[in-house]
Amino acid sequence: MARKETSITDILGSLLKQIISGMEIVPEEISRGLREHRNSIHGHKLQLVEIMQILQLITSSQPTFRCIDALDECAGVQLARVLESLRQILDRSRGTRIFLTGRPHIRAKIEGFLSGRVASVSVSPSKGDFTTYLRARLANHKSPDSMDECMKEDILNTLGNTSEM
């Protein structure tokens, strides 16, 4: 079964939900709008325009820090739409900071959309980190009796020496 692609509305809707759930007091304007929306048209999902309006209203009225993990899992067009939406939020909300994580191949796209607003840091595991990870995986193998210590060491040596560290 194919994995359903996450839409920009799902991503930003989730971000909105997290922001609202973390607020001590939800402004009446937002609360009323969400109640009205839930009661209209059988409670359909918010549209992107509506999500963006609420996000910009919240982030423009208070300092906001958000983290979006694994941005590289967005498909090409979706990634561009998410980054464009984040750029709009940052442009209108000077107190907003966004921390993004993703694999290195999306760095240029992020810097392109958010130029001048980005500080990039590359994080890579060391050979020791990789070896520690392998040891943990081997220790928790589903069939521990299927490998003796010699085989485990061979795996560690082979993978540890061929990994791109």
C-alpha atoms as a PDB file:
ATOM      1  CA  MET A   1       0.000   0.000   0.000  1.00  0.00           C
ATOM      2  CA  ALA A   2       1.416   3.385  -1.009  1.00  0.00           C
ATOM      3  CA  ARG A   3       2.031   5.996   1.668  1.00  0.00           C
ATOM      4  CA  LYS A   4      -0.328   8.978   1.455  1.00  0.00           C
ATOM      5  CA  GLU A   5       1.536  12.172   0.697  1.00  0.00           C
ATOM      6  CA  THR A   6       1.230  14.788   3.396  1.00  0.00           C
ATOM      7  CA  SER A   7      -0.286  17.976   2.036  1.00  0.00           C
ATOM      8  CA  ILE A   8       0.747  21.516   2.847  1.00  0.00           C
ATOM      9  CA  THR A   9      -2.632  21.983   4.511  1.00  0.00           C
ATOM     10  CA  ASP A  10      -1.909  18.984   6.765  1.00  0.00           C
ATOM     11  CA  ILE A  11       1.565  20.285   7.658  1.00  0.00           C
ATOM     12  CA  LEU A  12       0.553  23.863   8.391  1.00  0.00           C
ATOM     13  CA  GLY A  13      -2.711  22.718  10.008  1.00  0.00           C
ATOM     14  CA  SER A  14      -0.674  20.563  12.384  1.00  0.00           C
ATOM     15  CA  LEU A  15       1.614  23.510  13.108  1.00  0.00           C
ATOM     16  CA  LEU A  16      -1.435  25.693  13.846  1.00  0.00           C
ATOM     17  CA  LYS A  17      -2.911  23.049  16.144  1.00  0.00           C
ATOM     18  CA  GLN A  18       0.368  22.811  18.082  1.00  0.00           C
ATOM     19  CA  ILE A  19       0.610  26.575  18.453  1.00  0.00           C
ATOM     20  CA  ILE A  20      -2.978  26.917  19.656  1.00  0.00           C
ATOM     21  CA  SER A  21      -2.692  23.982  22.077  1.00  0.00           C
ATOM     22  CA  GLY A  22       0.390  25.620  23.603  1.00  0.00           C
ATOM     23  CA  MET A  23      -1.320  28.948  24.207  1.00  0.00           C
ATOM     24  CA  GLU A  24      -2.427  29.742  27.747  1.00  0.00           C
ATOM     25  CA  ILE A  25      -5.164  31.993  26.426  1.00  0.00           C
ATOM     26  CA  VAL A  26      -6.515  31.703  22.898  1.00  0.00           C
ATOM     27  CA  PRO A  27      -7.595  35.151  21.650  1.00  0.00           C
ATOM     28  CA  GLU A  28     -11.385  35.392  21.343  1.00  0.00           C
ATOM     29  CA  GLU A  29     -11.148  36.315  17.647  1.00  0.00           C
ATOM     30  CA  ILE A  30      -9.354  33.040  16.881  1.00  0.00           C
ATOM     31  CA  SER A  31     -11.506  30.943  19.196  1.00  0.00           C
ATOM     32  CA  ARG A  32     -14.727  32.359  17.718  1.00  0.00           C
ATOM     33  CA  GLY A  33     -13.470  31.837  14.156  1.00  0.00           C
ATOM     34  CA  LEU A  34     -12.563  28.210  14.841  1.00  0.00           C
ATOM     35  CA  ARG A  35     -15.951  27.555  16.495  1.00  0.00           C
ATOM     36  CA  GLU A  36     -17.783  29.077  13.529  1.00  0.00           C
ATOM     37  CA  HIS A  37     -15.692  27.083  11.096  1.00  0.00           C
ATOM     38  CA  ARG A  38     -16.317  23.812  12.946  1.00  0.00           C
ATOM     39  CA  ASN A  39     -20.071  24.428  12.795  1.00  0.00           C
ATOM     40  CA  SER A  40     -20.126  25.340   9.094  1.00  0.00           C
ATOM     41  CA  ILE A  41     -20.180  22.943   6.161  1.00  0.00           C
ATOM     42  CA  HIS A  42     -20.085  19.877   8.379  1.00  0.00           C
ATOM     43  CA  GLY A  43     -16.787  20.831   9.996  1.00  0.00           C
ATOM     44  CA  HIS A  44     -14.608  20.489   6.887  1.00  0.00           C
ATOM     45  CA  LYS A  45     -10.870  21.056   7.248  1.00  0.00           C
ATOM     46  CA  LEU A  46      -9.539  24.581   7.261  1.00  0.00           C
ATOM     47  CA  GLN A  47      -8.261  25.693   3.890  1.00  0.00           C
ATOM     48  CA  LEU A  48      -4.677  26.872   3.410  1.00  0.00           C
ATOM     49  CA  VAL A  49      -5.716  30.534   3.210  1.00  0.00           C
ATOM     50  CA  GLU A  50      -7.575  30.254   6.519  1.00  0.00           C
ATOM     51  CA  ILE A  51      -4.680  28.452   8.213  1.00  0.00           C
ATOM     52  CA  MET A  52      -2.227  31.095   6.994  1.00  0.00           C
ATOM     53  CA  GLN A  53      -4.458  33.928   8.241  1.00  0.00           C
ATOM     54  CA  ILE A  54      -4.695  32.422  11.720  1.00  0.00           C
ATOM     55  CA  LEU A  55      -0.965  31.589  11.856  1.00  0.00           C
ATOM     56  CA  GLN A  56      -0.069  35.123  10.837  1.00  0.00           C
ATOM     57  CA  LEU A  57      -2.505  36.605  13.355  1.00  0.00           C
ATOM     58  CA  ILE A  58      -1.002  34.547  16.193  1.00  0.00           C
ATOM     59  CA  THR A  59       2.654  34.944  15.233  1.00  0.00           C
ATOM     60  CA  SER A  60       2.345  38.686  14.619  1.00  0.00           C
ATOM     61  CA  SER A  61       0.935  39.274  18.099  1.00  0.00           C
ATOM     62  CA  GLN A  62       3.542  37.347  20.124  1.00  0.00           C
ATOM     63  CA  PRO A  63       7.072  35.983  19.812  1.00  0.00           C
ATOM     64  CA  THR A  64       6.880  32.447  18.424  1.00  0.00           C
ATOM     65  CA  PHE A  65       9.455  29.688  18.030  1.00  0.00           C
ATOM     66  CA  ARG A  66       8.519  26.584  16.045  1.00  0.00           C
ATOM     67  CA  CYS A  67      10.352  23.452  14.977  1.00  0.00           C
ATOM     68  CA  ILE A  68       9.523  21.504  11.826  1.00  0.00           C
ATOM     69  CA  ASP A  69      11.345  18.189  11.674  1.00  0.00           C
ATOM     70  CA  ALA A  70      12.171  16.067   8.602  1.00  0.00           C
ATOM     71  CA  LEU A  71      11.273  18.717   6.054  1.00  0.00           C
ATOM     72  CA  ASP A  72      13.045  16.609   3.435  1.00  0.00           C
ATOM     73  CA  GLU A  73      10.095  14.208   3.551  1.00  0.00           C
ATOM     74  CA  CYS A  74       7.963  16.748   1.683  1.00  0.00           C
ATOM     75  CA  ALA A  75       7.667  16.091  -2.040  1.00  0.00           C
ATOM     76  CA  GLY A  76       9.177  18.718  -4.376  1.00  0.00           C
ATOM     77  CA  VAL A  77       6.072  20.821  -5.033  1.00  0.00           C
ATOM     78  CA  GLN A  78       4.853  20.459  -1.451  1.00  0.00           C
ATOM     79  CA  LEU A  79       8.261  21.494  -0.112  1.00  0.00           C
ATOM     80  CA  ALA A  80       8.192  24.644  -2.224  1.00  0.00           C
ATOM     81  CA  ARG A  81       4.676  25.490  -1.003  1.00  0.00           C
ATOM     82  CA  VAL A  82       5.607  24.883   2.647  1.00  0.00           C
ATOM     83  CA  LEU A  83       8.730  27.048   2.339  1.00  0.00           C
ATOM     84  CA  GLU A  84       6.790  29.812   0.587  1.00  0.00           C
ATOM     85  CA  SER A  85       4.184  29.744   3.377  1.00  0.00           C
ATOM     86  CA  LEU A  86       6.906  29.872   6.035  1.00  0.00           C
ATOM     87  CA  ARG A  87       8.519  32.801   4.216  1.00  0.00           C
ATOM     88  CA  GLN A  88       5.192  34.672   4.285  1.00  0.00           C
ATOM     89  CA  ILE A  89       4.844  34.035   8.021  1.00  0.00           C
ATOM     90  CA  LEU A  90       8.411  35.216   8.683  1.00  0.00           C
ATOM     91  CA  ASP A  91       7.917  38.324   6.521  1.00  0.00           C
ATOM     92  CA  ARG A  92       4.811  39.368   8.450  1.00  0.00           C
ATOM     93  CA  SER A  93       5.866  38.198  11.895  1.00  0.00           C
ATOM     94  CA  ARG A  94       9.243  39.591  12.930  1.00  0.00           C
ATOM     95  CA  GLY A  95       9.079  37.837  16.327  1.00  0.00           C
ATOM     96  CA  THR A  96       8.846  34.392  14.744  1.00  0.00           C
ATOM     97  CA  ARG A  97      11.741  31.961  14.562  1.00  0.00           C
ATOM     98  CA  ILE A  98      11.511  28.613  12.795  1.00  0.00           C
ATOM     99  CA  PHE A  99      13.917  25.721  13.296  1.00  0.00           C
ATOM    100  CA  LEU A 100      13.918  23.294  10.376  1.00  0.00           C
ATOM    101  CA  THR A 101      15.565  19.901  10.100  1.00  0.00           C
ATOM    102  CA  GLY A 102      16.129  17.869   6.971  1.00  0.00           C
ATOM    103  CA  ARG A 103      18.687  15.998   4.953  1.00  0.00           C
ATOM    104  CA  PRO A 104      21.397  18.017   3.184  1.00  0.00           C
ATOM    105  CA  HIS A 105      19.822  17.865  -0.292  1.00  0.00           C
ATOM    106  CA  ILE A 106      17.109  20.410   0.627  1.00  0.00           C
ATOM    107  CA  ARG A 107      19.459  23.008   2.086  1.00  0.00           C
ATOM    108  CA  ALA A 108      19.737  24.997  -1.164  1.00  0.00           C
ATOM    109  CA  LYS A 109      15.965  25.079  -1.573  1.00  0.00           C
ATOM    110  CA  ILE A 110      15.502  26.317   2.010  1.00  0.00           C
ATOM    111  CA  GLU A 111      18.150  28.998   1.527  1.00  0.00           C
ATOM    112  CA  GLY A 112      16.544  30.001  -1.782  1.00  0.00           C
ATOM    113  CA  PHE A 113      13.084  30.546  -0.285  1.00  0.00           C
ATOM    114  CA  LEU A 114      14.233  31.967   3.028  1.00  0.00           C
ATOM    115  CA  SER A 115      17.277  33.896   1.814  1.00  0.00           C
ATOM    116  CA  GLY A 116      18.685  36.279   4.350  1.00  0.00           C
ATOM    117  CA  ARG A 117      16.617  34.656   7.100  1.00  0.00           C
ATOM    118  CA  VAL A 118      18.554  31.382   7.371  1.00  0.00           C
ATOM    119  CA  ALA A 119      21.466  30.165   9.443  1.00  0.00           C
ATOM    120  CA  SER A 120      22.497  26.646   8.425  1.00  0.00           C
ATOM    121  CA  VAL A 121      24.296  24.078  10.520  1.00  0.00           C
ATOM    122  CA  SER A 122      25.357  20.668   9.242  1.00  0.00           C
ATOM    123  CA  VAL A 123      25.195  17.815  11.707  1.00  0.00           C
ATOM    124  CA  SER A 124      26.709  14.434  10.864  1.00  0.00           C
ATOM    125  CA  PRO A 125      27.309  11.366  12.984  1.00  0.00           C
ATOM    126  CA  SER A 126      30.866  10.447  13.854  1.00  0.00           C
ATOM    127  CA  LYS A 127      32.247   6.966  13.245  1.00  0.00           C
ATOM    128  CA  GLY A 128      31.855   6.361  16.984  1.00  0.00           C
ATOM    129  CA  ASP A 129      28.173   7.326  16.819  1.00  0.00           C
ATOM    130  CA  PHE A 130      27.659   4.930  13.930  1.00  0.00           C
ATOM    131  CA  THR A 131      29.442   2.088  15.754  1.00  0.00           C
ATOM    132  CA  THR A 132      27.391   2.717  18.907  1.00  0.00           C
ATOM    133  CA  TYR A 133      24.205   2.595  16.829  1.00  0.00           C
ATOM    134  CA  LEU A 134      25.266  -0.679  15.146  1.00  0.00           C
ATOM    135  CA  ARG A 135      26.152  -2.267  18.494  1.00  0.00           C
ATOM    136  CA  ALA A 136      22.726  -1.338  19.902  1.00  0.00           C
ATOM    137  CA  ARG A 137      20.939  -2.758  16.842  1.00  0.00           C
ATOM    138  CA  LEU A 138      22.930  -5.983  17.010  1.00  0.00           C
ATOM    139  CA  ALA A 139      22.276  -6.309  20.758  1.00  0.00           C
ATOM    140  CA  ASN A 140      18.528  -5.952  20.163  1.00  0.00           C
ATOM    141  CA  HIS A 141      18.355  -8.242  17.131  1.00  0.00           C
ATOM    142  CA  LYS A 142      15.115 -10.265  16.933  1.00  0.00           C
ATOM    143  CA  SER A 143      17.047 -13.538  16.693  1.00  0.00           C
ATOM    144  CA  PRO A 144      20.034 -13.112  18.990  1.00  0.00           C
ATOM    145  CA  ASP A 145      21.036 -16.755  18.621  1.00  0.00           C
ATOM    146  CA  SER A 146      21.391 -16.393  14.845  1.00  0.00           C
ATOM    147  CA  MET A 147      24.741 -14.573  15.249  1.00  0.00           C
ATOM    148  CA  ASP A 148      27.802 -15.379  17.265  1.00  0.00           C
ATOM    149  CA  GLU A 149      30.215 -12.720  18.534  1.00  0.00           C
ATOM    150  CA  CYS A 150      32.555 -13.258  15.575  1.00  0.00           C
ATOM    151  CA  MET A 151      29.758 -12.508  13.099  1.00  0.00           C
ATOM    152  CA  LYS A 152      28.750  -9.382  15.048  1.00  0.00           C
ATOM    153  CA  GLU A 153      32.337  -8.126  14.961  1.00  0.00           C
ATOM    154  CA  ASP A 154      32.529  -8.825  11.214  1.00  0.00           C
ATOM    155  CA  ILE A 155      29.368  -6.757  10.711  1.00  0.00           C
ATOM    156  CA  LEU A 156      30.754  -3.908  12.827  1.00  0.00           C
ATOM    157  CA  ASN A 157      34.089  -3.952  11.015  1.00  0.00           C
ATOM    158  CA  THR A 158      32.587  -4.187   7.529  1.00  0.00           C
ATOM    159  CA  LEU A 159      29.874  -1.563   7.967  1.00  0.00           C
ATOM    160  CA  GLY A 160      32.040   0.653  10.152  1.00  0.00           C
ATOM    161  CA  ASN A 161      34.770   0.762   7.497  1.00  0.00           C
ATOM    162  CA  THR A 162      32.501   1.281   4.494  1.00  0.00           C
ATOM    163  CA  SER A 163      30.241   3.932   5.951  1.00  0.00           C
ATOM    164  CA  GLU A 164      30.583   7.508   4.750  1.00  0.00           C
ATOM    165  CA  MET A 165      31.723   9.241   7.900  1.00  0.00           C
END
